[in-house]
């Protein structure tokens, strides 16, 4: 039996703003900055050149990859964690910003899908 209290709880859960959930998910899924070692990976190019962390993670997940990495401010790669190279000395090496960390030249900001 659904009680009034249970129904109120469900409505509260359903009314959460999805933009806040997505932002938290991106930060929570960030693994780190990895120096590229040029292993061939699956590459995703967004429509109209608009690659975001969110659509990179989604695309990699939809194609069965456990990790997504952004390089040079918005080039999306998908693969296994060891496909992305070695953890960089400093997080500042992945300094290009987008809707999260978006890598730099030859550096991948890696996210768990």
N, C-alpha and C. Protein backbone atom coordinates (compact mmCIF):
# COMPACT_ATOMS: atom_id res chain seq x y z
N UNK A 1 0.84 -1.17 0.00
CA UNK A 1 0.00 0.00 0.00
C UNK A 1 0.89 1.24 0.00
N UNK A 2 0.57 2.19 -0.85
CA UNK A 2 1.32 3.45 -0.91
C UNK A 2 0.68 4.44 0.06
N UNK A 3 1.48 4.87 1.00
CA UNK A 3 0.98 5.83 1.98
C UNK A 3 1.28 7.25 1.50
N UNK A 4 0.64 8.20 2.13
CA UNK A 4 0.86 9.60 1.77
C UNK A 4 2.33 9.98 2.01
N UNK A 5 2.94 9.47 3.06
CA UNK A 5 4.34 9.76 3.37
C UNK A 5 5.27 9.21 2.28
N UNK A 6 5.02 7.98 1.84
CA UNK A 6 5.83 7.37 0.79
C UNK A 6 5.66 8.15 -0.51
N UNK A 7 4.46 8.53 -0.85
CA UNK A 7 4.21 9.29 -2.06
C UNK A 7 4.94 10.63 -2.02
N UNK A 8 4.94 11.31 -0.89
CA UNK A 8 5.66 12.57 -0.74
C UNK A 8 7.16 12.38 -0.93
N UNK A 9 7.69 11.29 -0.39
CA UNK A 9 9.12 10.99 -0.55
C UNK A 9 9.46 10.77 -2.01
N UNK A 10 8.63 10.05 -2.73
CA UNK A 10 8.87 9.79 -4.15
C UNK A 10 8.83 11.09 -4.94
N UNK A 11 7.92 11.97 -4.65
CA UNK A 11 7.83 13.24 -5.35
C UNK A 11 9.06 14.09 -5.10
N UNK A 12 9.60 14.05 -3.89
CA UNK A 12 10.81 14.81 -3.59
C UNK A 12 11.97 14.27 -4.41
N UNK A 13 12.12 12.96 -4.48
CA UNK A 13 13.20 12.35 -5.26
C UNK A 13 13.06 12.70 -6.73
N UNK A 14 11.87 12.68 -7.28
CA UNK A 14 11.65 12.95 -8.69
C UNK A 14 11.82 14.42 -9.04
N UNK A 15 11.76 15.30 -8.05
CA UNK A 15 11.85 16.72 -8.34
C UNK A 15 13.28 17.28 -8.21
N UNK A 16 14.29 16.43 -8.05
CA UNK A 16 15.67 16.89 -7.95
C UNK A 16 16.09 17.47 -9.29
N UNK A 17 16.76 18.61 -9.26
CA UNK A 17 17.24 19.26 -10.47
C UNK A 17 18.35 18.42 -11.10
N UNK A 18 18.17 17.88 -12.32
CA UNK A 18 19.17 17.00 -12.92
C UNK A 18 20.50 17.68 -13.21
N UNK A 19 20.53 19.00 -13.37
CA UNK A 19 21.80 19.67 -13.63
C UNK A 19 22.74 19.57 -12.44
N UNK A 20 22.18 19.56 -11.22
CA UNK A 20 23.02 19.40 -10.03
C UNK A 20 23.55 17.98 -9.93
N UNK A 21 22.75 17.01 -10.29
CA UNK A 21 23.19 15.61 -10.26
C UNK A 21 24.32 15.40 -11.26
N UNK A 22 24.15 15.94 -12.48
CA UNK A 22 25.18 15.77 -13.51
C UNK A 22 26.50 16.40 -13.08
N UNK A 23 26.46 17.60 -12.50
CA UNK A 23 27.68 18.27 -12.07
C UNK A 23 28.39 17.46 -10.99
N UNK A 24 27.65 16.92 -10.04
CA UNK A 24 28.25 16.11 -9.00
C UNK A 24 28.83 14.83 -9.56
N UNK A 25 28.16 14.22 -10.52
CA UNK A 25 28.64 12.99 -11.13
C UNK A 25 29.96 13.22 -11.85
N UNK A 26 30.08 14.33 -12.56
CA UNK A 26 31.31 14.64 -13.28
C UNK A 26 32.48 14.75 -12.29
N UNK A 27 32.31 15.53 -11.25
CA UNK A 27 33.39 15.71 -10.27
C UNK A 27 33.70 14.40 -9.56
N UNK A 28 32.67 13.64 -9.22
CA UNK A 28 32.88 12.37 -8.52
C UNK A 28 33.58 11.34 -9.39
N UNK A 29 33.40 11.41 -10.70
CA UNK A 29 33.97 10.43 -11.61
C UNK A 29 35.37 10.79 -12.10
N UNK A 30 35.87 11.96 -11.73
CA UNK A 30 37.19 12.40 -12.19
C UNK A 30 38.27 11.55 -11.54
N UNK A 31 39.13 10.95 -12.36
CA UNK A 31 40.21 10.08 -11.87
C UNK A 31 41.50 10.87 -11.73
N UNK A 32 41.85 11.67 -12.73
CA UNK A 32 43.08 12.44 -12.67
C UNK A 32 43.58 12.83 -14.03
N UNK A 33 44.74 13.46 -14.04
CA UNK A 33 45.40 13.93 -15.25
C UNK A 33 46.46 12.92 -15.66
N UNK A 34 46.34 12.39 -16.86
CA UNK A 34 47.24 11.35 -17.34
C UNK A 34 48.04 11.85 -18.54
N UNK A 35 49.36 11.70 -18.49
CA UNK A 35 50.22 12.06 -19.61
C UNK A 35 50.04 11.01 -20.71
N UNK A 36 49.73 11.46 -21.89
CA UNK A 36 49.40 10.57 -23.01
C UNK A 36 50.61 9.74 -23.44
N UNK A 37 50.33 8.48 -23.80
CA UNK A 37 51.40 7.66 -24.37
C UNK A 37 50.98 7.10 -25.73
N UNK A 38 50.01 7.75 -26.35
CA UNK A 38 49.62 7.55 -27.74
C UNK A 38 49.21 6.12 -28.11
N UNK A 39 48.55 5.43 -27.19
CA UNK A 39 47.95 4.13 -27.51
C UNK A 39 46.70 4.42 -28.34
N UNK A 40 46.44 3.59 -29.33
CA UNK A 40 45.23 3.78 -30.14
C UNK A 40 44.01 3.47 -29.30
N UNK A 41 43.11 4.43 -29.24
CA UNK A 41 41.88 4.31 -28.47
C UNK A 41 40.71 4.65 -29.38
N UNK A 42 39.51 4.38 -28.90
CA UNK A 42 38.31 4.82 -29.59
C UNK A 42 38.21 6.32 -29.43
N UNK A 43 37.99 7.05 -30.52
CA UNK A 43 37.89 8.50 -30.47
C UNK A 43 36.47 8.92 -30.81
N UNK A 44 35.91 9.79 -29.99
CA UNK A 44 34.57 10.31 -30.21
C UNK A 44 34.66 11.78 -30.55
N UNK A 45 34.02 12.18 -31.65
CA UNK A 45 33.97 13.58 -32.02
C UNK A 45 32.52 14.03 -31.90
N UNK A 46 32.27 15.01 -31.06
CA UNK A 46 30.91 15.50 -30.84
C UNK A 46 30.36 16.23 -32.04
N UNK A 47 29.05 16.41 -32.05
CA UNK A 47 28.42 17.12 -33.14
C UNK A 47 28.70 18.60 -33.03
N UNK A 48 29.06 19.20 -34.12
CA UNK A 48 29.33 20.64 -34.15
C UNK A 48 30.54 21.05 -33.34
N UNK A 49 31.43 20.13 -33.05
CA UNK A 49 32.64 20.44 -32.29
C UNK A 49 32.39 20.70 -30.81
N UNK A 50 31.18 20.40 -30.32
CA UNK A 50 30.85 20.68 -28.92
C UNK A 50 30.96 19.42 -28.08
N UNK A 51 32.17 19.04 -27.72
CA UNK A 51 32.37 17.89 -26.86
C UNK A 51 32.42 18.38 -25.42
N UNK A 52 31.60 17.78 -24.58
CA UNK A 52 31.61 18.11 -23.15
C UNK A 52 32.00 16.87 -22.37
N UNK A 53 32.33 17.05 -21.10
CA UNK A 53 32.63 15.89 -20.25
C UNK A 53 31.42 14.97 -20.22
N UNK A 54 30.24 15.53 -20.06
CA UNK A 54 29.02 14.73 -19.96
C UNK A 54 28.78 13.88 -21.20
N UNK A 55 28.87 14.49 -22.40
CA UNK A 55 28.58 13.67 -23.58
C UNK A 55 29.74 12.74 -23.92
N UNK A 56 30.94 13.05 -23.49
CA UNK A 56 32.07 12.14 -23.67
C UNK A 56 31.87 10.89 -22.80
N UNK A 57 31.53 11.11 -21.52
CA UNK A 57 31.28 9.98 -20.61
C UNK A 57 30.12 9.14 -21.13
N UNK A 58 29.05 9.78 -21.57
CA UNK A 58 27.88 9.05 -22.08
C UNK A 58 28.23 8.23 -23.31
N UNK A 59 28.95 8.84 -24.26
CA UNK A 59 29.30 8.14 -25.48
C UNK A 59 30.20 6.94 -25.20
N UNK A 60 31.17 7.12 -24.32
CA UNK A 60 32.07 6.01 -23.98
C UNK A 60 31.29 4.87 -23.32
N UNK A 61 30.40 5.21 -22.41
CA UNK A 61 29.57 4.19 -21.75
C UNK A 61 28.68 3.45 -22.73
N UNK A 62 28.06 4.20 -23.65
CA UNK A 62 27.17 3.58 -24.65
C UNK A 62 27.93 2.64 -25.57
N UNK A 63 29.24 2.85 -25.72
CA UNK A 63 30.05 1.99 -26.58
C UNK A 63 30.85 0.96 -25.79
N UNK A 64 30.52 0.78 -24.51
CA UNK A 64 31.08 -0.31 -23.71
C UNK A 64 32.44 -0.05 -23.10
N UNK A 65 32.87 1.20 -23.05
CA UNK A 65 34.18 1.51 -22.47
C UNK A 65 34.03 1.94 -21.02
N UNK A 66 34.95 1.54 -20.14
CA UNK A 66 34.84 1.90 -18.73
C UNK A 66 35.40 3.28 -18.38
N UNK A 67 36.20 3.89 -19.28
CA UNK A 67 36.81 5.18 -18.98
C UNK A 67 36.70 6.12 -20.17
N UNK A 68 36.58 7.42 -19.86
CA UNK A 68 36.53 8.47 -20.86
C UNK A 68 37.64 9.47 -20.54
N UNK A 69 38.29 9.99 -21.56
CA UNK A 69 39.34 10.98 -21.34
C UNK A 69 39.21 12.12 -22.32
N UNK A 70 39.35 13.33 -21.82
CA UNK A 70 39.33 14.51 -22.69
C UNK A 70 40.72 15.09 -22.80
N UNK A 71 41.07 15.48 -24.02
CA UNK A 71 42.40 16.00 -24.29
C UNK A 71 42.26 17.30 -25.08
N UNK A 72 43.17 18.22 -24.86
CA UNK A 72 43.23 19.48 -25.60
C UNK A 72 41.93 20.27 -25.59
N UNK A 73 41.25 20.26 -24.46
CA UNK A 73 40.06 21.08 -24.31
C UNK A 73 38.79 20.52 -24.90
N UNK A 74 38.78 19.27 -25.37
CA UNK A 74 37.53 18.74 -25.87
C UNK A 74 37.60 17.60 -26.86
N UNK A 75 38.74 16.97 -27.05
CA UNK A 75 38.81 15.75 -27.87
C UNK A 75 38.55 14.59 -26.92
N UNK A 76 37.56 13.79 -27.23
CA UNK A 76 37.14 12.70 -26.34
C UNK A 76 37.70 11.37 -26.81
N UNK A 77 38.34 10.65 -25.89
CA UNK A 77 38.82 9.30 -26.14
C UNK A 77 38.16 8.36 -25.13
N UNK A 78 37.97 7.11 -25.54
CA UNK A 78 37.39 6.09 -24.67
C UNK A 78 38.34 4.91 -24.61
N UNK A 79 38.38 4.21 -23.48
CA UNK A 79 39.23 3.03 -23.41
C UNK A 79 39.32 2.48 -22.00
N UNK A 80 40.34 1.66 -21.80
CA UNK A 80 40.67 1.12 -20.48
C UNK A 80 41.58 2.13 -19.79
N UNK A 81 41.70 2.05 -18.49
CA UNK A 81 42.48 3.04 -17.76
C UNK A 81 43.92 3.10 -18.26
N UNK A 82 44.54 1.95 -18.51
CA UNK A 82 45.95 1.95 -18.95
C UNK A 82 46.12 2.44 -20.39
N UNK A 83 45.01 2.66 -21.13
CA UNK A 83 45.09 3.23 -22.47
C UNK A 83 45.44 4.72 -22.44
N UNK A 84 45.29 5.35 -21.28
CA UNK A 84 45.46 6.79 -21.20
C UNK A 84 46.85 7.25 -20.78
N UNK A 85 47.74 6.34 -20.47
CA UNK A 85 49.09 6.73 -20.12
C UNK A 85 49.34 6.75 -18.63
N UNK A 86 50.34 7.52 -18.23
CA UNK A 86 50.76 7.59 -16.83
C UNK A 86 50.18 8.82 -16.16
N UNK A 87 49.89 8.70 -14.88
CA UNK A 87 49.38 9.84 -14.13
C UNK A 87 50.43 10.95 -14.17
N UNK A 88 50.01 12.14 -14.53
CA UNK A 88 50.92 13.28 -14.66
C UNK A 88 51.42 13.72 -13.28
N UNK A 89 52.54 14.43 -13.28
CA UNK A 89 53.12 14.91 -12.03
C UNK A 89 52.20 15.88 -11.30
N UNK A 90 51.49 16.71 -12.05
CA UNK A 90 50.69 17.76 -11.43
C UNK A 90 49.33 17.87 -12.13
N UNK A 91 48.24 18.00 -11.35
CA UNK A 91 46.93 18.19 -11.97
C UNK A 91 46.87 19.44 -12.84
N UNK A 92 47.75 20.40 -12.61
CA UNK A 92 47.76 21.62 -13.42
C UNK A 92 48.17 21.36 -14.86
N UNK A 93 48.73 20.17 -15.13
CA UNK A 93 49.09 19.83 -16.51
C UNK A 93 47.85 19.59 -17.37
N UNK A 94 46.70 19.38 -16.74
CA UNK A 94 45.42 19.26 -17.46
C UNK A 94 44.63 20.54 -17.19
N UNK A 95 45.10 21.62 -17.77
CA UNK A 95 44.60 22.94 -17.38
C UNK A 95 43.48 23.50 -18.26
N UNK A 96 43.14 22.85 -19.36
CA UNK A 96 42.08 23.38 -20.22
C UNK A 96 40.73 23.08 -19.60
N UNK A 97 39.90 24.10 -19.52
CA UNK A 97 38.60 23.97 -18.88
C UNK A 97 37.47 23.84 -19.90
N UNK A 98 36.43 23.15 -19.49
CA UNK A 98 35.17 23.10 -20.23
C UNK A 98 34.11 22.99 -19.16
N UNK A 99 33.28 21.95 -19.18
CA UNK A 99 32.31 21.76 -18.09
C UNK A 99 32.90 20.87 -17.00
N UNK A 100 34.19 20.75 -16.99
CA UNK A 100 34.95 19.95 -16.03
C UNK A 100 36.41 20.15 -16.36
N UNK A 101 37.23 19.15 -16.14
CA UNK A 101 38.63 19.20 -16.56
C UNK A 101 38.72 18.61 -17.96
N UNK A 102 39.36 19.30 -18.88
CA UNK A 102 39.39 18.85 -20.28
C UNK A 102 40.78 18.67 -20.84
N UNK A 103 41.73 18.29 -19.99
CA UNK A 103 43.05 17.93 -20.46
C UNK A 103 43.87 19.10 -20.97
N UNK A 104 44.84 18.78 -21.80
CA UNK A 104 45.73 19.74 -22.45
C UNK A 104 46.43 18.97 -23.57
N UNK A 105 47.37 19.61 -24.22
CA UNK A 105 48.10 18.93 -25.28
C UNK A 105 48.83 17.71 -24.70
N UNK A 106 48.54 16.54 -25.24
CA UNK A 106 49.15 15.27 -24.82
C UNK A 106 48.89 14.93 -23.35
N UNK A 107 47.82 15.46 -22.78
CA UNK A 107 47.41 15.14 -21.42
C UNK A 107 45.91 14.90 -21.42
N UNK A 108 45.48 13.81 -20.78
CA UNK A 108 44.06 13.42 -20.73
C UNK A 108 43.51 13.62 -19.33
N UNK A 109 42.37 14.31 -19.24
CA UNK A 109 41.60 14.34 -17.99
C UNK A 109 40.70 13.12 -18.06
N UNK A 110 40.91 12.15 -17.17
CA UNK A 110 40.25 10.86 -17.26
C UNK A 110 39.12 10.75 -16.24
N UNK A 111 37.99 10.21 -16.71
CA UNK A 111 36.78 10.03 -15.91
C UNK A 111 36.33 8.58 -15.98
N UNK A 112 35.84 8.07 -14.87
CA UNK A 112 35.21 6.74 -14.84
C UNK A 112 33.82 6.88 -15.42
N UNK A 113 33.44 5.97 -16.30
CA UNK A 113 32.12 6.02 -16.94
C UNK A 113 31.05 5.57 -15.95
